[in-house]
Each structure stands twice: as C-alpha cells, then as structure tokens.
Amino acid sequence: MDANALRALQAPLKGQYRENPDSAVITLKAKGALDDANIACKVETGRALAVAGLHPATGGSGAELCSGDMLLEALVACAGVTVKAVATALEIPIKAGTVSAEGDLDFRGTLGVDKEAPVGFRAIRLKFDLDTDAPQEKLDQLLKLTERYCVVFQTLNHKPELTVGASRS
C-alpha cells in the first residue's frame, strides 16, 4: 500500500469522525473463561483460543501464555502496525524491520512477598530495527509520530480510567 492508497482508505473515516465525533468512539472488548481445572484463563482472541496461566516465576508450568508477555506482544503488534502506517503516509521506504519490547518485573510484588515491590512492569523498552535509507530527521519524525499514534503505547503511557466489577452468574 502506498501513501495515496492509505489516504484514500482513511479519508472517508476521517471525514465521518470530524462531522460526527461520537462515531469515532468504539468500545473494544475482550473475553475469557476461567479454566475449571487449572489456574488459567482461556482468552478469546478472535482467531484462536489463547490460554493464559501463571508465569513460571510465580509457580506456573510455562505451558500457558503469560499475560505480561501478551501485553508486550500487544505493544509490539500495535507499534509495528503504527510504524508501517506512518512510514507509508510519510513515504519513508522501509525494506524490512523488526519491533521488540522487553519489560522488567519484580515478582516479589505480584506474589505479595514484599509490599514495597511494585506489581506490574517497572520499565518497558520498545525498539525498532529498520532497514531504510531515510535520513535521520525522517526517522526521528517516524518514531515521534509512531509513539504519538500507537494506541497501546499511549494507553500504557497515560493511564486510562480503570474500573473493576464483579457479578454472580
């Protein structure tokens, strides 16, 4: 896809969202079922069933997916799509590339071993390795806009309003 095709694809959506801002607000959903035999949750991904369980550092077998890994994978996926879209829009040729994310966790927090240890990632690093001949100022612009428009990055960077609820079934 080139920049013109991307603009043509997105132009009607942008027009609609300008005219009717409420139409731009969409609720994405995720759903999972608790495993009745194991400490695991079966998450419906839309393509397959992903079974998430305890990380080995918290007593898991490693056979199930770790939700922390899934968070990093979501960041990589979103950042990868966003960098490609921005590069296309800016007509920055990228021959090939990889996106990686790594994050540091202190499992003392999640296991309740140390109440001072944080629960969750204390640091996340996102990295792009891009095969391109674009000048550095174009790469800087590409990264700045990718950071700005990556939904998962911005969600992690600016904590959304969170609520938790439960009901009896």
C-alpha atoms as a PDB file:
ATOM      1  CA  MET A   1       0.000   0.000   0.000  1.00  0.00           C
ATOM      2  CA  ASP A   2       1.310   3.451  -0.853  1.00  0.00           C
ATOM      3  CA  ALA A   3       0.592   6.839   0.762  1.00  0.00           C
ATOM      4  CA  ASN A   4      -2.178   7.708  -1.719  1.00  0.00           C
ATOM      5  CA  ALA A   5      -3.974   4.404  -1.175  1.00  0.00           C
ATOM      6  CA  LEU A   6      -3.721   4.840   2.602  1.00  0.00           C
ATOM      7  CA  ARG A   7      -5.097   8.396   2.390  1.00  0.00           C
ATOM      8  CA  ALA A   8      -7.950   7.228   0.150  1.00  0.00           C
ATOM      9  CA  LEU A   9      -8.757   4.425   2.567  1.00  0.00           C
ATOM     10  CA  GLN A  10      -8.753   6.665   5.634  1.00  0.00           C
ATOM     11  CA  ALA A  11     -10.236   9.887   4.153  1.00  0.00           C
ATOM     12  CA  PRO A  12     -13.918   8.876   4.487  1.00  0.00           C
ATOM     13  CA  LEU A  13     -13.341   7.718   8.054  1.00  0.00           C
ATOM     14  CA  LYS A  14     -11.570  10.943   8.993  1.00  0.00           C
ATOM     15  CA  GLY A  15     -14.378  12.958   7.407  1.00  0.00           C
ATOM     16  CA  GLN A  16     -17.017  10.996   9.286  1.00  0.00           C
ATOM     17  CA  TYR A  17     -15.171  11.435  12.590  1.00  0.00           C
ATOM     18  CA  ARG A  18     -14.809  15.182  12.020  1.00  0.00           C
ATOM     19  CA  GLU A  19     -18.529  15.552  11.249  1.00  0.00           C
ATOM     20  CA  ASN A  20     -19.697  13.166  13.967  1.00  0.00           C
ATOM     21  CA  PRO A  21     -17.058  12.843  16.717  1.00  0.00           C
ATOM     22  CA  ASP A  22     -19.186  10.334  18.654  1.00  0.00           C
ATOM     23  CA  SER A  23     -18.888   7.869  15.769  1.00  0.00           C
ATOM     24  CA  ALA A  24     -15.128   7.667  16.424  1.00  0.00           C
ATOM     25  CA  VAL A  25     -15.653   6.224  19.899  1.00  0.00           C
ATOM     26  CA  ILE A  26     -15.759   2.447  19.675  1.00  0.00           C
ATOM     27  CA  THR A  27     -15.701   0.005  22.574  1.00  0.00           C
ATOM     28  CA  LEU A  28     -13.273  -2.853  22.016  1.00  0.00           C
ATOM     29  CA  LYS A  29     -13.923  -5.961  24.058  1.00  0.00           C
ATOM     30  CA  ALA A  30     -12.028  -8.958  25.303  1.00  0.00           C
ATOM     31  CA  LYS A  31     -13.477 -12.034  26.951  1.00  0.00           C
ATOM     32  CA  GLY A  32     -12.114 -15.091  28.668  1.00  0.00           C
ATOM     33  CA  ALA A  33     -13.383 -18.095  30.582  1.00  0.00           C
ATOM     34  CA  LEU A  34     -11.801 -19.317  33.787  1.00  0.00           C
ATOM     35  CA  ASP A  35     -10.328 -22.774  33.451  1.00  0.00           C
ATOM     36  CA  ASP A  36     -12.153 -25.127  35.843  1.00  0.00           C
ATOM     37  CA  ALA A  37      -9.184 -27.446  36.358  1.00  0.00           C
ATOM     38  CA  ASN A  38      -6.102 -25.199  36.275  1.00  0.00           C
ATOM     39  CA  ILE A  39      -5.034 -21.732  37.314  1.00  0.00           C
ATOM     40  CA  ALA A  40      -5.601 -20.418  33.808  1.00  0.00           C
ATOM     41  CA  CYS A  41      -7.931 -18.231  31.753  1.00  0.00           C
ATOM     42  CA  LYS A  42      -8.990 -19.078  28.201  1.00  0.00           C
ATOM     43  CA  VAL A  43      -8.973 -15.811  26.267  1.00  0.00           C
ATOM     44  CA  GLU A  44     -10.931 -15.477  23.036  1.00  0.00           C
ATOM     45  CA  THR A  45      -8.602 -13.704  20.609  1.00  0.00           C
ATOM     46  CA  GLY A  46     -10.900 -13.617  17.587  1.00  0.00           C
ATOM     47  CA  ARG A  47      -8.616 -16.023  15.753  1.00  0.00           C
ATOM     48  CA  ALA A  48      -7.977 -18.737  18.296  1.00  0.00           C
ATOM     49  CA  LEU A  49      -8.220 -19.511  21.965  1.00  0.00           C
ATOM     50  CA  ALA A  50      -5.236 -18.298  23.958  1.00  0.00           C
ATOM     51  CA  VAL A  51      -4.770 -19.961  27.324  1.00  0.00           C
ATOM     52  CA  ALA A  52      -3.091 -17.693  29.841  1.00  0.00           C
ATOM     53  CA  GLY A  53      -1.685 -19.021  33.083  1.00  0.00           C
ATOM     54  CA  LEU A  54       0.843 -18.327  35.767  1.00  0.00           C
ATOM     55  CA  HIS A  55       4.340 -17.314  34.729  1.00  0.00           C
ATOM     56  CA  PRO A  56       6.986 -19.837  35.836  1.00  0.00           C
ATOM     57  CA  ALA A  57       8.335 -17.182  38.230  1.00  0.00           C
ATOM     58  CA  THR A  58       5.007 -17.401  40.089  1.00  0.00           C
ATOM     59  CA  GLY A  59       4.681 -21.182  40.011  1.00  0.00           C
ATOM     60  CA  GLY A  60       3.342 -21.736  36.506  1.00  0.00           C
ATOM     61  CA  SER A  61       4.429 -24.555  34.241  1.00  0.00           C
ATOM     62  CA  GLY A  62       5.255 -22.294  31.303  1.00  0.00           C
ATOM     63  CA  ALA A  63       2.803 -24.251  29.144  1.00  0.00           C
ATOM     64  CA  GLU A  64       0.290 -21.381  29.148  1.00  0.00           C
ATOM     65  CA  LEU A  65       0.798 -17.849  27.906  1.00  0.00           C
ATOM     66  CA  CYS A  66       1.901 -15.223  30.394  1.00  0.00           C
ATOM     67  CA  SER A  67      -0.330 -12.147  30.439  1.00  0.00           C
ATOM     68  CA  GLY A  68       2.774  -9.960  30.826  1.00  0.00           C
ATOM     69  CA  ASP A  69       4.175 -11.433  27.620  1.00  0.00           C
ATOM     70  CA  MET A  70       0.792 -10.865  25.964  1.00  0.00           C
ATOM     71  CA  LEU A  71       0.904  -7.196  26.997  1.00  0.00           C
ATOM     72  CA  LEU A  72       4.340  -6.804  25.407  1.00  0.00           C
ATOM     73  CA  GLU A  73       3.133  -8.680  22.315  1.00  0.00           C
ATOM     74  CA  ALA A  74       0.172  -6.295  22.022  1.00  0.00           C
ATOM     75  CA  LEU A  75       2.584  -3.356  22.256  1.00  0.00           C
ATOM     76  CA  VAL A  76       4.828  -4.854  19.557  1.00  0.00           C
ATOM     77  CA  ALA A  77       1.845  -5.549  17.289  1.00  0.00           C
ATOM     78  CA  CYS A  78       0.401  -2.058  17.687  1.00  0.00           C
ATOM     79  CA  ALA A  79       3.759  -0.322  17.319  1.00  0.00           C
ATOM     80  CA  GLY A  80       4.603  -2.415  14.254  1.00  0.00           C
ATOM     81  CA  VAL A  81       1.331  -1.581  12.513  1.00  0.00           C
ATOM     82  CA  THR A  82       1.627   2.075  13.507  1.00  0.00           C
ATOM     83  CA  VAL A  83       5.221   2.472  12.299  1.00  0.00           C
ATOM     84  CA  LYS A  84       4.253   0.898   8.955  1.00  0.00           C
ATOM     85  CA  ALA A  85       1.219   3.185   8.587  1.00  0.00           C
ATOM     86  CA  VAL A  86       3.208   6.303   9.484  1.00  0.00           C
ATOM     87  CA  ALA A  87       6.081   5.308   7.169  1.00  0.00           C
ATOM     88  CA  THR A  88       3.569   4.757   4.371  1.00  0.00           C
ATOM     89  CA  ALA A  89       1.890   8.126   4.982  1.00  0.00           C
ATOM     90  CA  LEU A  90       5.250   9.937   5.096  1.00  0.00           C
ATOM     91  CA  GLU A  91       6.566   7.945   2.121  1.00  0.00           C
ATOM     92  CA  ILE A  92       9.526   6.652   4.103  1.00  0.00           C
ATOM     93  CA  PRO A  93      10.673   3.430   2.444  1.00  0.00           C
ATOM     94  CA  ILE A  94      11.312   0.579   4.874  1.00  0.00           C
ATOM     95  CA  LYS A  95      12.773  -2.513   3.233  1.00  0.00           C
ATOM     96  CA  ALA A  96      12.476  -4.663   6.357  1.00  0.00           C
ATOM     97  CA  GLY A  97      12.306  -4.259  10.076  1.00  0.00           C
ATOM     98  CA  THR A  98      11.646  -5.732  13.463  1.00  0.00           C
ATOM     99  CA  VAL A  99       9.927  -4.430  16.565  1.00  0.00           C
ATOM    100  CA  SER A 100      10.776  -5.705  20.026  1.00  0.00           C
ATOM    101  CA  ALA A 101       9.642  -4.929  23.534  1.00  0.00           C
ATOM    102  CA  GLU A 102      11.020  -6.014  26.842  1.00  0.00           C
ATOM    103  CA  GLY A 103       9.893  -5.196  30.325  1.00  0.00           C
ATOM    104  CA  ASP A 104      11.200  -5.603  33.846  1.00  0.00           C
ATOM    105  CA  LEU A 105       9.011  -7.226  36.510  1.00  0.00           C
ATOM    106  CA  ASP A 106       9.750  -7.837  40.181  1.00  0.00           C
ATOM    107  CA  PHE A 107       7.734 -10.924  41.022  1.00  0.00           C
ATOM    108  CA  ARG A 108       8.021 -10.215  44.749  1.00  0.00           C
ATOM    109  CA  GLY A 109       5.233  -7.678  44.209  1.00  0.00           C
ATOM    110  CA  THR A 110       2.763  -9.969  42.450  1.00  0.00           C
ATOM    111  CA  LEU A 111       3.402 -12.776  44.939  1.00  0.00           C
ATOM    112  CA  GLY A 112       2.996 -10.458  47.943  1.00  0.00           C
ATOM    113  CA  VAL A 113       6.493 -11.236  49.232  1.00  0.00           C
ATOM    114  CA  ASP A 114       7.410  -7.563  49.578  1.00  0.00           C
ATOM    115  CA  LYS A 115       4.689  -4.942  49.912  1.00  0.00           C
ATOM    116  CA  GLU A 116       7.139  -2.276  48.685  1.00  0.00           C
ATOM    117  CA  ALA A 117       7.872  -4.141  45.436  1.00  0.00           C
ATOM    118  CA  PRO A 118       5.672  -2.894  42.591  1.00  0.00           C
ATOM    119  CA  VAL A 119       3.080  -5.149  41.000  1.00  0.00           C
ATOM    120  CA  GLY A 120       3.475  -4.837  37.247  1.00  0.00           C
ATOM    121  CA  PHE A 121       6.172  -3.656  34.912  1.00  0.00           C
ATOM    122  CA  ARG A 122       8.559  -1.109  36.344  1.00  0.00           C
ATOM    123  CA  ALA A 123      10.092  -0.394  32.920  1.00  0.00           C
ATOM    124  CA  ILE A 124       9.251  -1.254  29.313  1.00  0.00           C
ATOM    125  CA  ARG A 125      11.593  -0.714  26.389  1.00  0.00           C
ATOM    126  CA  LEU A 126      10.291  -0.612  22.810  1.00  0.00           C
ATOM    127  CA  LYS A 127      12.825  -0.891  19.989  1.00  0.00           C
ATOM    128  CA  PHE A 128      12.657  -0.716  16.202  1.00  0.00           C
ATOM    129  CA  ASP A 129      15.356  -2.089  13.900  1.00  0.00           C
ATOM    130  CA  LEU A 130      14.573  -0.645  10.483  1.00  0.00           C
ATOM    131  CA  ASP A 131      16.269  -1.305   7.160  1.00  0.00           C
ATOM    132  CA  THR A 132      15.878   2.065   5.474  1.00  0.00           C
ATOM    133  CA  ASP A 133      17.920   4.674   3.687  1.00  0.00           C
ATOM    134  CA  ALA A 134      15.818   7.508   5.119  1.00  0.00           C
ATOM    135  CA  PRO A 135      17.777  10.376   6.693  1.00  0.00           C
ATOM    136  CA  GLN A 136      17.910  10.604  10.482  1.00  0.00           C
ATOM    137  CA  GLU A 137      15.485  13.539  10.669  1.00  0.00           C
ATOM    138  CA  LYS A 138      12.863  11.422   8.844  1.00  0.00           C
ATOM    139  CA  LEU A 139      13.482   8.508  11.231  1.00  0.00           C
ATOM    140  CA  ASP A 140      13.127  10.858  14.198  1.00  0.00           C
ATOM    141  CA  GLN A 141       9.803  12.088  12.791  1.00  0.00           C
ATOM    142  CA  LEU A 142       8.720   8.497  12.155  1.00  0.00           C
ATOM    143  CA  LEU A 143       9.415   7.469  15.756  1.00  0.00           C
ATOM    144  CA  LYS A 144       7.795  10.598  17.197  1.00  0.00           C
ATOM    145  CA  LEU A 145       4.586  10.018  15.226  1.00  0.00           C
ATOM    146  CA  THR A 146       4.606   6.278  15.893  1.00  0.00           C
ATOM    147  CA  GLU A 147       4.839   6.967  19.607  1.00  0.00           C
ATOM    148  CA  ARG A 148       2.059   9.544  19.347  1.00  0.00           C
ATOM    149  CA  TYR A 149      -0.380   7.349  17.407  1.00  0.00           C
ATOM    150  CA  CYS A 150       0.299   3.874  18.833  1.00  0.00           C
ATOM    151  CA  VAL A 151      -2.810   3.053  20.880  1.00  0.00           C
ATOM    152  CA  VAL A 152      -1.158   0.526  23.183  1.00  0.00           C
ATOM    153  CA  PHE A 153       1.898   2.724  23.814  1.00  0.00           C
ATOM    154  CA  GLN A 154      -0.273   5.718  24.649  1.00  0.00           C
ATOM    155  CA  THR A 155      -2.533   3.616  26.885  1.00  0.00           C
ATOM    156  CA  LEU A 156       0.487   2.456  28.867  1.00  0.00           C
ATOM    157  CA  ASN A 157       1.981   5.954  28.867  1.00  0.00           C
ATOM    158  CA  HIS A 158      -1.191   7.722  30.043  1.00  0.00           C
ATOM    159  CA  LYS A 159      -3.128   5.578  32.495  1.00  0.00           C
ATOM    160  CA  PRO A 160      -6.777   5.322  31.445  1.00  0.00           C
ATOM    161  CA  GLU A 161      -9.644   5.387  33.902  1.00  0.00           C
ATOM    162  CA  LEU A 162      -9.908   1.834  35.210  1.00  0.00           C
ATOM    163  CA  THR A 163     -12.819   0.192  36.959  1.00  0.00           C
ATOM    164  CA  VAL A 164     -13.299  -3.328  38.277  1.00  0.00           C
ATOM    165  CA  GLY A 165     -16.620  -5.040  38.870  1.00  0.00           C
ATOM    166  CA  ALA A 166     -17.994  -8.491  39.541  1.00  0.00           C
ATOM    167  CA  SER A 167     -21.381 -10.150  39.272  1.00  0.00           C
ATOM    168  CA  ARG A 168     -22.752 -13.534  40.196  1.00  0.00           C
ATOM    169  CA  SER A 169     -23.649 -15.828  37.306  1.00  0.00           C
END
